[in-house]
C-alpha atoms as a PDB file:
ATOM      1  CA  MET A   1     -79.378  27.358  71.662  1.00  0.00           C
ATOM      2  CA  ALA A   2     -78.454  30.978  70.996  1.00  0.00           C
ATOM      3  CA  GLN A   3     -76.489  32.987  73.534  1.00  0.00           C
ATOM      4  CA  ASP A   4     -79.503  35.193  74.312  1.00  0.00           C
ATOM      5  CA  ALA A   5     -81.706  32.153  74.918  1.00  0.00           C
ATOM      6  CA  ARG A   6     -79.087  30.679  77.253  1.00  0.00           C
ATOM      7  CA  GLU A   7     -78.839  33.889  79.241  1.00  0.00           C
ATOM      8  CA  LYS A   8     -82.627  34.139  79.549  1.00  0.00           C
ATOM      9  CA  LEU A   9     -82.888  30.504  80.672  1.00  0.00           C
ATOM     10  CA  TYR A  10     -80.105  31.033  83.217  1.00  0.00           C
ATOM     11  CA  GLU A  11     -81.611  34.251  84.590  1.00  0.00           C
ATOM     12  CA  ALA A  12     -85.116  32.815  84.720  1.00  0.00           C
ATOM     13  CA  TYR A  13     -84.306  29.553  86.519  1.00  0.00           C
ATOM     14  CA  TYR A  14     -81.012  30.032  88.371  1.00  0.00           C
ATOM     15  CA  MET A  15     -82.586  30.675  91.794  1.00  0.00           C
ATOM     16  CA  ARG A  16     -85.098  27.877  91.375  1.00  0.00           C
ATOM     17  CA  VAL A  17     -82.427  25.323  90.495  1.00  0.00           C
ATOM     18  CA  PHE A  18     -80.074  26.632  93.192  1.00  0.00           C
ATOM     19  CA  SER A  19     -82.837  26.436  95.836  1.00  0.00           C
ATOM     20  CA  TYR A  20     -83.648  22.895  94.773  1.00  0.00           C
ATOM     21  CA  ALA A  21     -79.960  21.876  94.880  1.00  0.00           C
ATOM     22  CA  MET A  22     -79.645  23.513  98.294  1.00  0.00           C
ATOM     23  CA  THR A  23     -82.624  21.502  99.529  1.00  0.00           C
ATOM     24  CA  LEU A  24     -81.035  18.292  98.258  1.00  0.00           C
ATOM     25  CA  SER A  25     -77.507  18.838  99.516  1.00  0.00           C
ATOM     26  CA  GLY A  26     -77.890  21.140 102.496  1.00  0.00           C
ATOM     27  CA  ASN A  27     -74.492  22.594 101.549  1.00  0.00           C
ATOM     28  CA  ARG A  28     -74.093  25.955  99.825  1.00  0.00           C
ATOM     29  CA  GLU A  29     -70.873  25.126  97.956  1.00  0.00           C
ATOM     30  CA  GLN A  30     -72.222  21.813  96.757  1.00  0.00           C
ATOM     31  CA  ALA A  31     -75.497  23.440  95.696  1.00  0.00           C
ATOM     32  CA  GLU A  32     -73.578  26.051  93.689  1.00  0.00           C
ATOM     33  CA  GLU A  33     -71.546  23.343  91.959  1.00  0.00           C
ATOM     34  CA  ILE A  34     -74.666  21.329  91.152  1.00  0.00           C
ATOM     35  CA  THR A  35     -76.380  24.449  89.777  1.00  0.00           C
ATOM     36  CA  GLN A  36     -73.437  25.374  87.573  1.00  0.00           C
ATOM     37  CA  GLU A  37     -73.099  21.822  86.264  1.00  0.00           C
ATOM     38  CA  THR A  38     -76.858  21.680  85.658  1.00  0.00           C
ATOM     39  CA  PHE A  39     -76.800  24.691  83.360  1.00  0.00           C
ATOM     40  CA  PHE A  40     -73.616  23.517  81.673  1.00  0.00           C
ATOM     41  CA  ARG A  41     -75.242  20.187  80.833  1.00  0.00           C
ATOM     42  CA  ALA A  42     -78.495  21.829  79.785  1.00  0.00           C
ATOM     43  CA  PHE A  43     -76.659  24.115  77.367  1.00  0.00           C
ATOM     44  CA  ALA A  44     -74.506  21.276  76.056  1.00  0.00           C
ATOM     45  CA  ARG A  45     -77.509  19.001  75.481  1.00  0.00           C
ATOM     46  CA  GLN A  46     -80.148  21.427  74.389  1.00  0.00           C
ATOM     47  CA  SER A  47     -81.489  18.853  71.945  1.00  0.00           C
ATOM     48  CA  ALA A  48     -82.326  16.550  74.872  1.00  0.00           C
ATOM     49  CA  PHE A  49     -85.092  18.912  75.967  1.00  0.00           C
ATOM     50  CA  ARG A  50     -88.197  17.625  74.213  1.00  0.00           C
ATOM     51  CA  GLY A  51     -90.597  20.154  75.668  1.00  0.00           C
ATOM     52  CA  ASP A  52     -92.715  17.468  77.386  1.00  0.00           C
ATOM     53  CA  ALA A  53     -92.218  19.227  80.719  1.00  0.00           C
ATOM     54  CA  ASP A  54     -91.572  22.712  81.962  1.00  0.00           C
ATOM     55  CA  GLU A  55     -87.972  23.950  81.593  1.00  0.00           C
ATOM     56  CA  ALA A  56     -87.682  24.262  85.372  1.00  0.00           C
ATOM     57  CA  THR A  57     -88.707  20.626  85.783  1.00  0.00           C
ATOM     58  CA  TRP A  58     -86.118  19.551  83.210  1.00  0.00           C
ATOM     59  CA  LEU A  59     -83.379  21.563  84.924  1.00  0.00           C
ATOM     60  CA  CYS A  60     -84.309  20.253  88.372  1.00  0.00           C
ATOM     61  CA  ALA A  61     -84.236  16.698  87.037  1.00  0.00           C
ATOM     62  CA  ILE A  62     -80.673  17.300  85.798  1.00  0.00           C
ATOM     63  CA  ALA A  63     -79.755  18.748  89.218  1.00  0.00           C
ATOM     64  CA  LYS A  64     -81.240  15.762  91.022  1.00  0.00           C
ATOM     65  CA  ASN A  65     -79.325  13.328  88.835  1.00  0.00           C
ATOM     66  CA  LEU A  66     -76.088  15.228  89.465  1.00  0.00           C
ATOM     67  CA  PHE A  67     -76.725  15.122  93.202  1.00  0.00           C
ATOM     68  CA  VAL A  68     -77.471  11.382  93.179  1.00  0.00           C
ATOM     69  CA  ASP A  69     -74.409  10.653  91.038  1.00  0.00           C
ATOM     70  CA  GLY A  70     -72.250  12.644  93.451  1.00  0.00           C
ATOM     71  CA  ARG A  71     -73.574  10.681  96.415  1.00  0.00           C
ATOM     72  CA  ARG A  72     -72.840   7.395  94.651  1.00  0.00           C
ATOM     73  CA  ARG A  73     -69.269   8.490  93.952  1.00  0.00           C
ATOM     74  CA  GLU A  74     -68.818   9.537  97.583  1.00  0.00           C
ATOM     75  CA  SER A  75     -70.132   6.230  98.898  1.00  0.00           C
ATOM     76  CA  ARG A  76     -67.745   4.249  96.683  1.00  0.00           C
ATOM     77  CA  GLN A  77     -64.711   6.148  97.889  1.00  0.00           C
ATOM     78  CA  ALA A  78     -63.475   4.891 101.221  1.00  0.00           C
ATOM     79  CA  PRO A  79     -62.025   7.760 103.220  1.00  0.00           C
ATOM     80  CA  MET A  80     -58.333   7.446 103.966  1.00  0.00           C
ATOM     81  CA  PRO A  81     -57.485   7.941 107.624  1.00  0.00           C
ATOM     82  CA  GLU A  82     -55.193  10.853 108.334  1.00  0.00           C
ATOM     83  CA  GLU A  83     -52.867   8.615 110.316  1.00  0.00           C
ATOM     84  CA  MET A  84     -52.303   4.936 109.750  1.00  0.00           C
ATOM     85  CA  PRO A  85     -52.884   2.891 112.904  1.00  0.00           C
ATOM     86  CA  ASP A  86     -49.919   1.145 114.441  1.00  0.00           C
ATOM     87  CA  THR A  87     -50.675  -2.471 113.550  1.00  0.00           C
ATOM     88  CA  ALA A  88     -47.445  -3.763 115.032  1.00  0.00           C
ATOM     89  CA  GLY A  89     -48.347  -2.660 118.540  1.00  0.00           C
ATOM     90  CA  SER A  90     -45.905  -2.288 121.355  1.00  0.00           C
ATOM     91  CA  ILE A  91     -43.453  -5.026 122.200  1.00  0.00           C
ATOM     92  CA  GLU A  92     -45.050  -5.377 125.634  1.00  0.00           C
ATOM     93  CA  GLN A  93     -48.503  -5.833 124.085  1.00  0.00           C
ATOM     94  CA  ARG A  94     -47.291  -8.445 121.600  1.00  0.00           C
ATOM     95  CA  ALA A  95     -45.512 -10.347 124.363  1.00  0.00           C
ATOM     96  CA  ALA A  96     -48.647 -10.265 126.518  1.00  0.00           C
ATOM     97  CA  ASP A  97     -50.728 -11.461 123.562  1.00  0.00           C
ATOM     98  CA  ARG A  98     -48.327 -14.340 122.932  1.00  0.00           C
ATOM     99  CA  ASP A  99     -48.413 -15.263 126.626  1.00  0.00           C
ATOM    100  CA  THR A 100     -52.215 -15.189 126.674  1.00  0.00           C
ATOM    101  CA  SER A 101     -52.381 -17.215 123.485  1.00  0.00           C
ATOM    102  CA  PHE A 102     -50.011 -19.825 124.936  1.00  0.00           C
ATOM    103  CA  ARG A 103     -52.082 -20.065 128.129  1.00  0.00           C
ATOM    104  CA  ILE A 104     -55.258 -20.564 126.089  1.00  0.00           C
ATOM    105  CA  HIS A 105     -53.638 -23.367 124.076  1.00  0.00           C
ATOM    106  CA  VAL A 106     -52.375 -25.069 127.259  1.00  0.00           C
ATOM    107  CA  ALA A 107     -55.856 -24.910 128.787  1.00  0.00           C
ATOM    108  CA  LEU A 108     -57.412 -26.098 125.516  1.00  0.00           C
ATOM    109  CA  HIS A 109     -54.985 -29.023 125.291  1.00  0.00           C
ATOM    110  CA  ALA A 110     -56.043 -30.155 128.774  1.00  0.00           C
ATOM    111  CA  LEU A 111     -59.745 -29.916 127.917  1.00  0.00           C
ATOM    112  CA  GLU A 112     -61.518 -33.276 127.676  1.00  0.00           C
ATOM    113  CA  GLU A 113     -63.289 -34.537 124.567  1.00  0.00           C
ATOM    114  CA  PRO A 114     -65.679 -33.691 122.919  1.00  0.00           C
ATOM    115  CA  TYR A 115     -65.323 -30.146 124.302  1.00  0.00           C
ATOM    116  CA  ARG A 116     -61.840 -29.596 122.906  1.00  0.00           C
ATOM    117  CA  GLU A 117     -62.694 -30.812 119.400  1.00  0.00           C
ATOM    118  CA  VAL A 118     -65.987 -28.912 119.247  1.00  0.00           C
ATOM    119  CA  PHE A 119     -64.223 -25.729 120.334  1.00  0.00           C
ATOM    120  CA  GLU A 120     -61.400 -26.233 117.811  1.00  0.00           C
ATOM    121  CA  LEU A 121     -63.795 -26.998 114.946  1.00  0.00           C
ATOM    122  CA  ARG A 122     -65.870 -23.937 115.738  1.00  0.00           C
ATOM    123  CA  ILE A 123     -63.037 -21.454 116.342  1.00  0.00           C
ATOM    124  CA  PHE A 124     -60.105 -22.680 114.274  1.00  0.00           C
ATOM    125  CA  GLY A 125     -62.070 -24.565 111.630  1.00  0.00           C
ATOM    126  CA  GLU A 126     -64.671 -21.772 111.427  1.00  0.00           C
ATOM    127  CA  LEU A 127     -67.447 -24.331 111.019  1.00  0.00           C
ATOM    128  CA  SER A 128     -71.090 -23.612 111.702  1.00  0.00           C
ATOM    129  CA  PHE A 129     -72.841 -25.316 114.591  1.00  0.00           C
ATOM    130  CA  ARG A 130     -74.802 -27.347 112.068  1.00  0.00           C
ATOM    131  CA  ASP A 131     -71.561 -28.633 110.510  1.00  0.00           C
ATOM    132  CA  VAL A 132     -69.999 -29.395 113.902  1.00  0.00           C
ATOM    133  CA  GLY A 133     -73.101 -31.319 114.916  1.00  0.00           C
ATOM    134  CA  ALA A 134     -73.049 -33.262 111.627  1.00  0.00           C
ATOM    135  CA  ILE A 135     -69.418 -34.308 112.195  1.00  0.00           C
ATOM    136  CA  PHE A 136     -70.381 -35.830 115.550  1.00  0.00           C
ATOM    137  CA  GLY A 137     -73.677 -37.219 114.250  1.00  0.00           C
ATOM    138  CA  LYS A 138     -75.539 -34.934 116.645  1.00  0.00           C
ATOM    139  CA  THR A 139     -77.878 -31.963 116.358  1.00  0.00           C
ATOM    140  CA  GLU A 140     -76.997 -28.324 115.853  1.00  0.00           C
ATOM    141  CA  ASN A 141     -78.320 -27.614 119.339  1.00  0.00           C
ATOM    142  CA  TRP A 142     -75.978 -30.249 120.822  1.00  0.00           C
ATOM    143  CA  ALA A 143     -73.037 -28.502 119.130  1.00  0.00           C
ATOM    144  CA  ARG A 144     -74.118 -25.128 120.549  1.00  0.00           C
ATOM    145  CA  VAL A 145     -74.451 -26.457 124.087  1.00  0.00           C
ATOM    146  CA  THR A 146     -71.161 -28.354 123.912  1.00  0.00           C
ATOM    147  CA  TYR A 147     -69.339 -25.298 122.545  1.00  0.00           C
ATOM    148  CA  HIS A 148     -70.816 -23.117 125.300  1.00  0.00           C
ATOM    149  CA  ARG A 149     -69.721 -25.591 127.960  1.00  0.00           C
ATOM    150  CA  ALA A 150     -66.244 -25.768 126.424  1.00  0.00           C
ATOM    151  CA  ARG A 151     -65.943 -21.983 126.645  1.00  0.00           C
ATOM    152  CA  LEU A 152     -67.003 -22.043 130.297  1.00  0.00           C
ATOM    153  CA  LYS A 153     -64.466 -24.769 131.095  1.00  0.00           C
ATOM    154  CA  LEU A 154     -61.707 -22.857 129.293  1.00  0.00           C
ATOM    155  CA  ARG A 155     -62.565 -19.684 131.174  1.00  0.00           C
ATOM    156  CA  GLU A 156     -62.447 -21.537 134.505  1.00  0.00           C
ATOM    157  CA  ARG A 157     -59.039 -23.037 133.704  1.00  0.00           C
ATOM    158  CA  MET A 158     -57.681 -19.681 132.548  1.00  0.00           C
ATOM    159  CA  GLU A 159     -58.767 -18.098 135.841  1.00  0.00           C
ATOM    160  CA  GLU A 160     -57.070 -20.920 137.775  1.00  0.00           C
ATOM    161  CA  GLN A 161     -53.737 -20.279 136.082  1.00  0.00           C
END
């Protein structure tokens, strides 16, 4: 494509492509970048234009593809937080968590069967209710009810302590 033809194409369709990119992105800077990249790609791949459609349609298709590609890249990149959270926590919090954990295990140890085992299989074994029921030769619904009752009993014992 000759320099004159490029300039004419740019002058003729710049506002149309920019307006379209602005409609897609809703951001002026992003629309300007998309428009510039659209014309850059159009000039670089002039042989790709077959003439099946209007030049404006071809340019807007390039702009749309650039916009979609940009969105895909953005969605793949997980934003880094400005500050890393304190995963260690305070000493007081960790001590309280250990104390709570110990109290839960004491209450769980005192829980009668099958409540204790159902609770342990569900929470620590990470088994589904269907699997827990199968281990006991019971139904999935039995495992759900037993687990619920175990939680209630644990809560009662924790409140007593």
